């Protein structure tokens, strides 16, 4: 029976408040539909192959729009485990299947270890929760991202107005940042304010 290690990863969406991910696959699958899809795809494939899934790892990238070098230590650790336990690393491969932007560092590591890596096509899956089509899912997200980006100018004006009102209280940058956070007014990218991010924002106005 072949042993497998599943790797499921996704990108953060700071403006929507999605900036962290539970480390266990169950919690991560509940927090992210993309993770849930990858986990189900891998689990079904391993079962069909008559294999044994010995470990599942989840990973949240740093940037919302691209893969980074930050994933290398995680993949290196998983590859070492696979070689030590005569297992194979299995994951869903999105980039070549649909001509999407490659995750360069991840692709390089996989290409250097093809003997112990398995890439699965991102086919549609139907579960009790409905059908998940990766193409449609990411198409919708691109539209949502585009709409969000288009509204940044308006949000900046709203923030500038709110900050101007607060500045009348002669608060320090630190206290002003805390006040904005208390009012649930995030940065244009959806993050909590810090004194430094507030200083940069005011400088750019």
C-alpha atoms as a PDB file:
ATOM      1  CA  UNK A   1       0.000   0.000   0.000  1.00  0.00           C
ATOM      2  CA  UNK A   2       1.520   3.322  -1.103  1.00  0.00           C
ATOM      3  CA  UNK A   3       1.754   5.990   1.562  1.00  0.00           C
ATOM      4  CA  UNK A   4       0.874   9.599   0.730  1.00  0.00           C
ATOM      5  CA  UNK A   5       1.273  13.039   2.295  1.00  0.00           C
ATOM      6  CA  UNK A   6      -1.274  15.662   1.211  1.00  0.00           C
ATOM      7  CA  UNK A   7      -0.363  19.337   0.839  1.00  0.00           C
ATOM      8  CA  UNK A   8      -3.135  21.940   0.574  1.00  0.00           C
ATOM      9  CA  UNK A   9      -2.370  25.640   0.178  1.00  0.00           C
ATOM     10  CA  UNK A  10      -4.146  28.888  -0.556  1.00  0.00           C
ATOM     11  CA  UNK A  11      -3.683  32.670  -0.667  1.00  0.00           C
ATOM     12  CA  UNK A  12      -4.780  35.188   1.978  1.00  0.00           C
ATOM     13  CA  UNK A  13      -7.511  37.770   1.325  1.00  0.00           C
ATOM     14  CA  UNK A  14      -6.586  40.606   3.733  1.00  0.00           C
ATOM     15  CA  UNK A  15      -9.420  42.942   2.769  1.00  0.00           C
ATOM     16  CA  UNK A  16     -11.934  40.194   3.580  1.00  0.00           C
ATOM     17  CA  UNK A  17     -10.243  39.446   6.914  1.00  0.00           C
ATOM     18  CA  UNK A  18      -8.846  36.076   5.765  1.00  0.00           C
ATOM     19  CA  UNK A  19      -5.269  36.340   7.026  1.00  0.00           C
ATOM     20  CA  UNK A  20      -4.800  33.188   9.087  1.00  0.00           C
ATOM     21  CA  UNK A  21      -5.546  29.498   8.749  1.00  0.00           C
ATOM     22  CA  UNK A  22      -5.940  26.734  11.355  1.00  0.00           C
ATOM     23  CA  UNK A  23      -3.008  24.338  11.222  1.00  0.00           C
ATOM     24  CA  UNK A  24      -5.171  21.204  11.209  1.00  0.00           C
ATOM     25  CA  UNK A  25      -6.776  20.179   7.928  1.00  0.00           C
ATOM     26  CA  UNK A  26     -10.272  19.962   9.403  1.00  0.00           C
ATOM     27  CA  UNK A  27     -10.233  23.511  10.740  1.00  0.00           C
ATOM     28  CA  UNK A  28      -8.524  24.802   7.591  1.00  0.00           C
ATOM     29  CA  UNK A  29     -11.153  23.129   5.397  1.00  0.00           C
ATOM     30  CA  UNK A  30     -13.895  24.859   7.369  1.00  0.00           C
ATOM     31  CA  UNK A  31     -12.154  28.229   6.968  1.00  0.00           C
ATOM     32  CA  UNK A  32     -11.347  27.925   3.250  1.00  0.00           C
ATOM     33  CA  UNK A  33     -13.352  26.391   0.415  1.00  0.00           C
ATOM     34  CA  UNK A  34     -10.157  26.120  -1.622  1.00  0.00           C
ATOM     35  CA  UNK A  35      -8.501  24.051   1.103  1.00  0.00           C
ATOM     36  CA  UNK A  36     -11.650  21.965   1.516  1.00  0.00           C
ATOM     37  CA  UNK A  37     -11.659  21.239  -2.214  1.00  0.00           C
ATOM     38  CA  UNK A  38      -7.991  20.225  -2.328  1.00  0.00           C
ATOM     39  CA  UNK A  39      -8.389  17.966   0.687  1.00  0.00           C
ATOM     40  CA  UNK A  40     -11.415  16.209  -0.801  1.00  0.00           C
ATOM     41  CA  UNK A  41      -9.717  15.859  -4.196  1.00  0.00           C
ATOM     42  CA  UNK A  42      -6.617  14.297  -2.645  1.00  0.00           C
ATOM     43  CA  UNK A  43      -8.537  12.043  -0.279  1.00  0.00           C
ATOM     44  CA  UNK A  44     -10.708  10.658  -3.055  1.00  0.00           C
ATOM     45  CA  UNK A  45      -7.736  10.054  -5.319  1.00  0.00           C
ATOM     46  CA  UNK A  46      -5.727   8.287  -2.601  1.00  0.00           C
ATOM     47  CA  UNK A  47      -8.733   6.095  -1.802  1.00  0.00           C
ATOM     48  CA  UNK A  48      -9.227   5.225  -5.480  1.00  0.00           C
ATOM     49  CA  UNK A  49      -5.521   4.322  -5.695  1.00  0.00           C
ATOM     50  CA  UNK A  50      -5.836   2.041  -2.701  1.00  0.00           C
ATOM     51  CA  UNK A  51      -3.233   4.118  -0.871  1.00  0.00           C
ATOM     52  CA  UNK A  52      -2.923   5.383   2.687  1.00  0.00           C
ATOM     53  CA  UNK A  53      -2.907   9.102   3.530  1.00  0.00           C
ATOM     54  CA  UNK A  54      -0.488   9.314   6.449  1.00  0.00           C
ATOM     55  CA  UNK A  55      -0.377  13.092   6.873  1.00  0.00           C
ATOM     56  CA  UNK A  56      -2.079  16.276   5.701  1.00  0.00           C
ATOM     57  CA  UNK A  57      -0.440  19.705   5.745  1.00  0.00           C
ATOM     58  CA  UNK A  58      -2.053  23.108   5.126  1.00  0.00           C
ATOM     59  CA  UNK A  59      -0.247  26.285   4.147  1.00  0.00           C
ATOM     60  CA  UNK A  60      -1.353  29.919   3.838  1.00  0.00           C
ATOM     61  CA  UNK A  61       0.773  32.117   1.609  1.00  0.00           C
ATOM     62  CA  UNK A  62       1.985  35.576   2.628  1.00  0.00           C
ATOM     63  CA  UNK A  63       0.842  37.659  -0.334  1.00  0.00           C
ATOM     64  CA  UNK A  64      -2.722  37.728  -1.691  1.00  0.00           C
ATOM     65  CA  UNK A  65      -1.682  37.599  -5.349  1.00  0.00           C
ATOM     66  CA  UNK A  66       1.313  35.249  -5.725  1.00  0.00           C
ATOM     67  CA  UNK A  67       3.249  32.329  -4.309  1.00  0.00           C
ATOM     68  CA  UNK A  68       6.408  33.055  -2.366  1.00  0.00           C
ATOM     69  CA  UNK A  69       9.684  31.524  -1.218  1.00  0.00           C
ATOM     70  CA  UNK A  70       8.059  31.246   2.201  1.00  0.00           C
ATOM     71  CA  UNK A  71       6.599  27.862   1.248  1.00  0.00           C
ATOM     72  CA  UNK A  72      10.001  26.222   0.667  1.00  0.00           C
ATOM     73  CA  UNK A  73      10.729  25.145   4.270  1.00  0.00           C
ATOM     74  CA  UNK A  74       7.334  23.482   4.534  1.00  0.00           C
ATOM     75  CA  UNK A  75       7.749  21.595   1.256  1.00  0.00           C
ATOM     76  CA  UNK A  76      11.338  20.646   2.109  1.00  0.00           C
ATOM     77  CA  UNK A  77      10.174  19.175   5.408  1.00  0.00           C
ATOM     78  CA  UNK A  78       7.395  17.207   3.710  1.00  0.00           C
ATOM     79  CA  UNK A  79       9.723  15.915   1.001  1.00  0.00           C
ATOM     80  CA  UNK A  80      12.208  14.715   3.624  1.00  0.00           C
ATOM     81  CA  UNK A  81       9.405  12.949   5.452  1.00  0.00           C
ATOM     82  CA  UNK A  82       8.265  11.285   2.233  1.00  0.00           C
ATOM     83  CA  UNK A  83      11.757   9.979   1.499  1.00  0.00           C
ATOM     84  CA  UNK A  84      12.219   8.774   5.074  1.00  0.00           C
ATOM     85  CA  UNK A  85       8.848   6.991   5.133  1.00  0.00           C
ATOM     86  CA  UNK A  86       8.743   5.780   1.507  1.00  0.00           C
ATOM     87  CA  UNK A  87       5.760   8.031   0.838  1.00  0.00           C
ATOM     88  CA  UNK A  88       4.737  10.415  -1.929  1.00  0.00           C
ATOM     89  CA  UNK A  89       3.687  14.063  -1.747  1.00  0.00           C
ATOM     90  CA  UNK A  90       0.354  14.673  -3.470  1.00  0.00           C
ATOM     91  CA  UNK A  91      -1.289  18.005  -4.219  1.00  0.00           C
ATOM     92  CA  UNK A  92      -3.654  19.672  -6.686  1.00  0.00           C
ATOM     93  CA  UNK A  93      -1.851  21.450  -9.515  1.00  0.00           C
ATOM     94  CA  UNK A  94      -3.712  24.578 -10.615  1.00  0.00           C
ATOM     95  CA  UNK A  95      -1.226  26.503 -12.748  1.00  0.00           C
ATOM     96  CA  UNK A  96      -0.478  24.371 -15.836  1.00  0.00           C
ATOM     97  CA  UNK A  97      -4.004  22.965 -15.980  1.00  0.00           C
ATOM     98  CA  UNK A  98      -5.571  26.348 -16.676  1.00  0.00           C
ATOM     99  CA  UNK A  99      -2.623  28.494 -17.657  1.00  0.00           C
ATOM    100  CA  UNK A 100      -2.725  30.381 -14.374  1.00  0.00           C
ATOM    101  CA  UNK A 101       0.274  32.070 -12.772  1.00  0.00           C
ATOM    102  CA  UNK A 102       2.687  29.428 -11.535  1.00  0.00           C
ATOM    103  CA  UNK A 103       3.721  29.127  -7.943  1.00  0.00           C
ATOM    104  CA  UNK A 104       7.407  29.336  -8.903  1.00  0.00           C
ATOM    105  CA  UNK A 105       9.101  28.079  -5.715  1.00  0.00           C
ATOM    106  CA  UNK A 106       6.588  25.263  -5.233  1.00  0.00           C
ATOM    107  CA  UNK A 107       6.811  24.197  -8.885  1.00  0.00           C
ATOM    108  CA  UNK A 108      10.615  24.154  -8.707  1.00  0.00           C
ATOM    109  CA  UNK A 109      10.617  21.889  -5.670  1.00  0.00           C
ATOM    110  CA  UNK A 110       8.146  19.499  -7.260  1.00  0.00           C
ATOM    111  CA  UNK A 111      10.061  19.382 -10.557  1.00  0.00           C
ATOM    112  CA  UNK A 112      13.238  18.527  -8.642  1.00  0.00           C
ATOM    113  CA  UNK A 113      11.498  15.626  -6.890  1.00  0.00           C
ATOM    114  CA  UNK A 114       9.186  14.156  -9.506  1.00  0.00           C
ATOM    115  CA  UNK A 115       9.867  10.627  -8.284  1.00  0.00           C
ATOM    116  CA  UNK A 116       8.005  11.278  -5.037  1.00  0.00           C
ATOM    117  CA  UNK A 117       5.476  13.937  -6.115  1.00  0.00           C
ATOM    118  CA  UNK A 118       2.009  13.434  -7.565  1.00  0.00           C
ATOM    119  CA  UNK A 119       0.099  16.319  -9.161  1.00  0.00           C
ATOM    120  CA  UNK A 120      -3.671  16.059  -9.564  1.00  0.00           C
ATOM    121  CA  UNK A 121      -5.741  17.957 -12.116  1.00  0.00           C
ATOM    122  CA  UNK A 122      -8.233  20.413 -10.550  1.00  0.00           C
ATOM    123  CA  UNK A 123     -11.427  18.711 -11.725  1.00  0.00           C
ATOM    124  CA  UNK A 124     -14.887  19.631 -10.433  1.00  0.00           C
ATOM    125  CA  UNK A 125     -16.121  17.712  -7.391  1.00  0.00           C
ATOM    126  CA  UNK A 126     -19.591  17.141  -6.008  1.00  0.00           C
ATOM    127  CA  UNK A 127     -20.100  16.702  -2.266  1.00  0.00           C
ATOM    128  CA  UNK A 128     -22.978  17.037   0.178  1.00  0.00           C
ATOM    129  CA  UNK A 129     -22.237  20.774   0.173  1.00  0.00           C
ATOM    130  CA  UNK A 130     -22.712  20.996  -3.603  1.00  0.00           C
ATOM    131  CA  UNK A 131     -20.445  21.114  -6.643  1.00  0.00           C
ATOM    132  CA  UNK A 132     -17.126  22.930  -6.483  1.00  0.00           C
ATOM    133  CA  UNK A 133     -15.727  23.998  -9.850  1.00  0.00           C
ATOM    134  CA  UNK A 134     -12.228  25.497  -9.420  1.00  0.00           C
ATOM    135  CA  UNK A 135     -12.447  27.445 -12.680  1.00  0.00           C
ATOM    136  CA  UNK A 136     -15.737  29.085 -11.739  1.00  0.00           C
ATOM    137  CA  UNK A 137     -14.639  29.630  -8.145  1.00  0.00           C
ATOM    138  CA  UNK A 138     -11.505  31.541  -9.108  1.00  0.00           C
ATOM    139  CA  UNK A 139     -13.314  33.410 -11.898  1.00  0.00           C
ATOM    140  CA  UNK A 140     -15.804  34.761  -9.361  1.00  0.00           C
ATOM    141  CA  UNK A 141     -12.993  35.678  -6.976  1.00  0.00           C
ATOM    142  CA  UNK A 142     -11.200  37.612  -9.715  1.00  0.00           C
ATOM    143  CA  UNK A 143     -14.393  39.602 -10.271  1.00  0.00           C
ATOM    144  CA  UNK A 144     -14.748  40.252  -6.537  1.00  0.00           C
ATOM    145  CA  UNK A 145     -11.098  41.315  -6.301  1.00  0.00           C
ATOM    146  CA  UNK A 146     -11.564  43.633  -9.262  1.00  0.00           C
ATOM    147  CA  UNK A 147     -14.609  45.261  -7.699  1.00  0.00           C
ATOM    148  CA  UNK A 148     -12.744  45.674  -4.433  1.00  0.00           C
ATOM    149  CA  UNK A 149      -9.763  47.276  -6.174  1.00  0.00           C
ATOM    150  CA  UNK A 150     -12.065  49.641  -8.073  1.00  0.00           C
ATOM    151  CA  UNK A 151     -13.533  50.853  -4.805  1.00  0.00           C
ATOM    152  CA  UNK A 152     -10.192  51.625  -3.135  1.00  0.00           C
ATOM    153  CA  UNK A 153     -10.256  55.298  -4.084  1.00  0.00           C
ATOM    154  CA  UNK A 154     -13.625  55.787  -2.386  1.00  0.00           C
ATOM    155  CA  UNK A 155     -12.453  53.930   0.722  1.00  0.00           C
ATOM    156  CA  UNK A 156      -9.332  56.085   0.916  1.00  0.00           C
ATOM    157  CA  UNK A 157     -11.460  59.228   0.851  1.00  0.00           C
ATOM    158  CA  UNK A 158     -13.698  57.838   3.602  1.00  0.00           C
ATOM    159  CA  UNK A 159     -10.654  56.962   5.695  1.00  0.00           C
ATOM    160  CA  UNK A 160      -9.069  60.353   5.133  1.00  0.00           C
ATOM    161  CA  UNK A 161     -12.268  62.012   6.327  1.00  0.00           C
ATOM    162  CA  UNK A 162     -12.484  59.788   9.424  1.00  0.00           C
ATOM    163  CA  UNK A 163      -8.821  60.397  10.234  1.00  0.00           C
ATOM    164  CA  UNK A 164      -9.212  64.161   9.798  1.00  0.00           C
ATOM    165  CA  UNK A 165     -12.024  64.145  12.342  1.00  0.00           C
ATOM    166  CA  UNK A 166      -9.947  62.138  14.802  1.00  0.00           C
ATOM    167  CA  UNK A 167      -6.911  64.371  14.323  1.00  0.00           C
ATOM    168  CA  UNK A 168      -8.877  67.208  15.856  1.00  0.00           C
ATOM    169  CA  UNK A 169      -8.492  65.291  19.116  1.00  0.00           C
ATOM    170  CA  UNK A 170      -4.703  65.709  18.771  1.00  0.00           C
ATOM    171  CA  UNK A 171      -4.033  61.998  19.205  1.00  0.00           C
ATOM    172  CA  UNK A 172      -0.640  60.394  18.673  1.00  0.00           C
ATOM    173  CA  UNK A 173      -0.277  58.095  15.679  1.00  0.00           C
ATOM    174  CA  UNK A 174      -0.402  55.109  18.017  1.00  0.00           C
ATOM    175  CA  UNK A 175      -3.594  56.283  19.737  1.00  0.00           C
ATOM    176  CA  UNK A 176      -5.146  57.287  16.415  1.00  0.00           C
ATOM    177  CA  UNK A 177      -4.437  53.835  14.989  1.00  0.00           C
ATOM    178  CA  UNK A 178      -6.048  52.223  18.036  1.00  0.00           C
ATOM    179  CA  UNK A 179      -9.084  54.507  17.690  1.00  0.00           C
ATOM    180  CA  UNK A 180      -9.547  53.561  14.034  1.00  0.00           C
ATOM    181  CA  UNK A 181      -9.277  49.876  14.896  1.00  0.00           C
ATOM    182  CA  UNK A 182     -11.823  50.305  17.683  1.00  0.00           C
ATOM    183  CA  UNK A 183     -14.178  51.860  15.133  1.00  0.00           C
ATOM    184  CA  UNK A 184     -13.547  48.823  12.875  1.00  0.00           C
ATOM    185  CA  UNK A 185     -12.060  51.041  10.180  1.00  0.00           C
ATOM    186  CA  UNK A 186      -9.379  48.964   8.474  1.00  0.00           C
ATOM    187  CA  UNK A 187      -6.602  49.990   6.113  1.00  0.00           C
ATOM    188  CA  UNK A 188      -7.447  50.071   2.368  1.00  0.00           C
ATOM    189  CA  UNK A 189      -6.174  46.482   2.173  1.00  0.00           C
ATOM    190  CA  UNK A 190      -8.337  45.297   5.068  1.00  0.00           C
ATOM    191  CA  UNK A 191      -5.690  45.120   7.807  1.00  0.00           C
ATOM    192  CA  UNK A 192      -5.656  46.593  11.293  1.00  0.00           C
ATOM    193  CA  UNK A 193      -3.930  49.948  11.643  1.00  0.00           C
ATOM    194  CA  UNK A 194      -0.533  50.410  13.245  1.00  0.00           C
ATOM    195  CA  UNK A 195       1.242  53.682  13.897  1.00  0.00           C
ATOM    196  CA  UNK A 196       3.599  52.930  11.007  1.00  0.00           C
ATOM    197  CA  UNK A 197       0.894  52.026   8.470  1.00  0.00           C
ATOM    198  CA  UNK A 198      -1.011  55.148   9.499  1.00  0.00           C
ATOM    199  CA  UNK A 199       2.084  57.304   9.028  1.00  0.00           C
ATOM    200  CA  UNK A 200       2.588  55.898   5.520  1.00  0.00           C
ATOM    201  CA  UNK A 201      -1.072  56.389   4.651  1.00  0.00           C
ATOM    202  CA  UNK A 202      -1.048  60.025   5.764  1.00  0.00           C
ATOM    203  CA  UNK A 203       2.198  60.666   3.897  1.00  0.00           C
ATOM    204  CA  UNK A 204       0.659  59.329   0.675  1.00  0.00           C
ATOM    205  CA  UNK A 205      -2.430  61.565   0.880  1.00  0.00           C
END
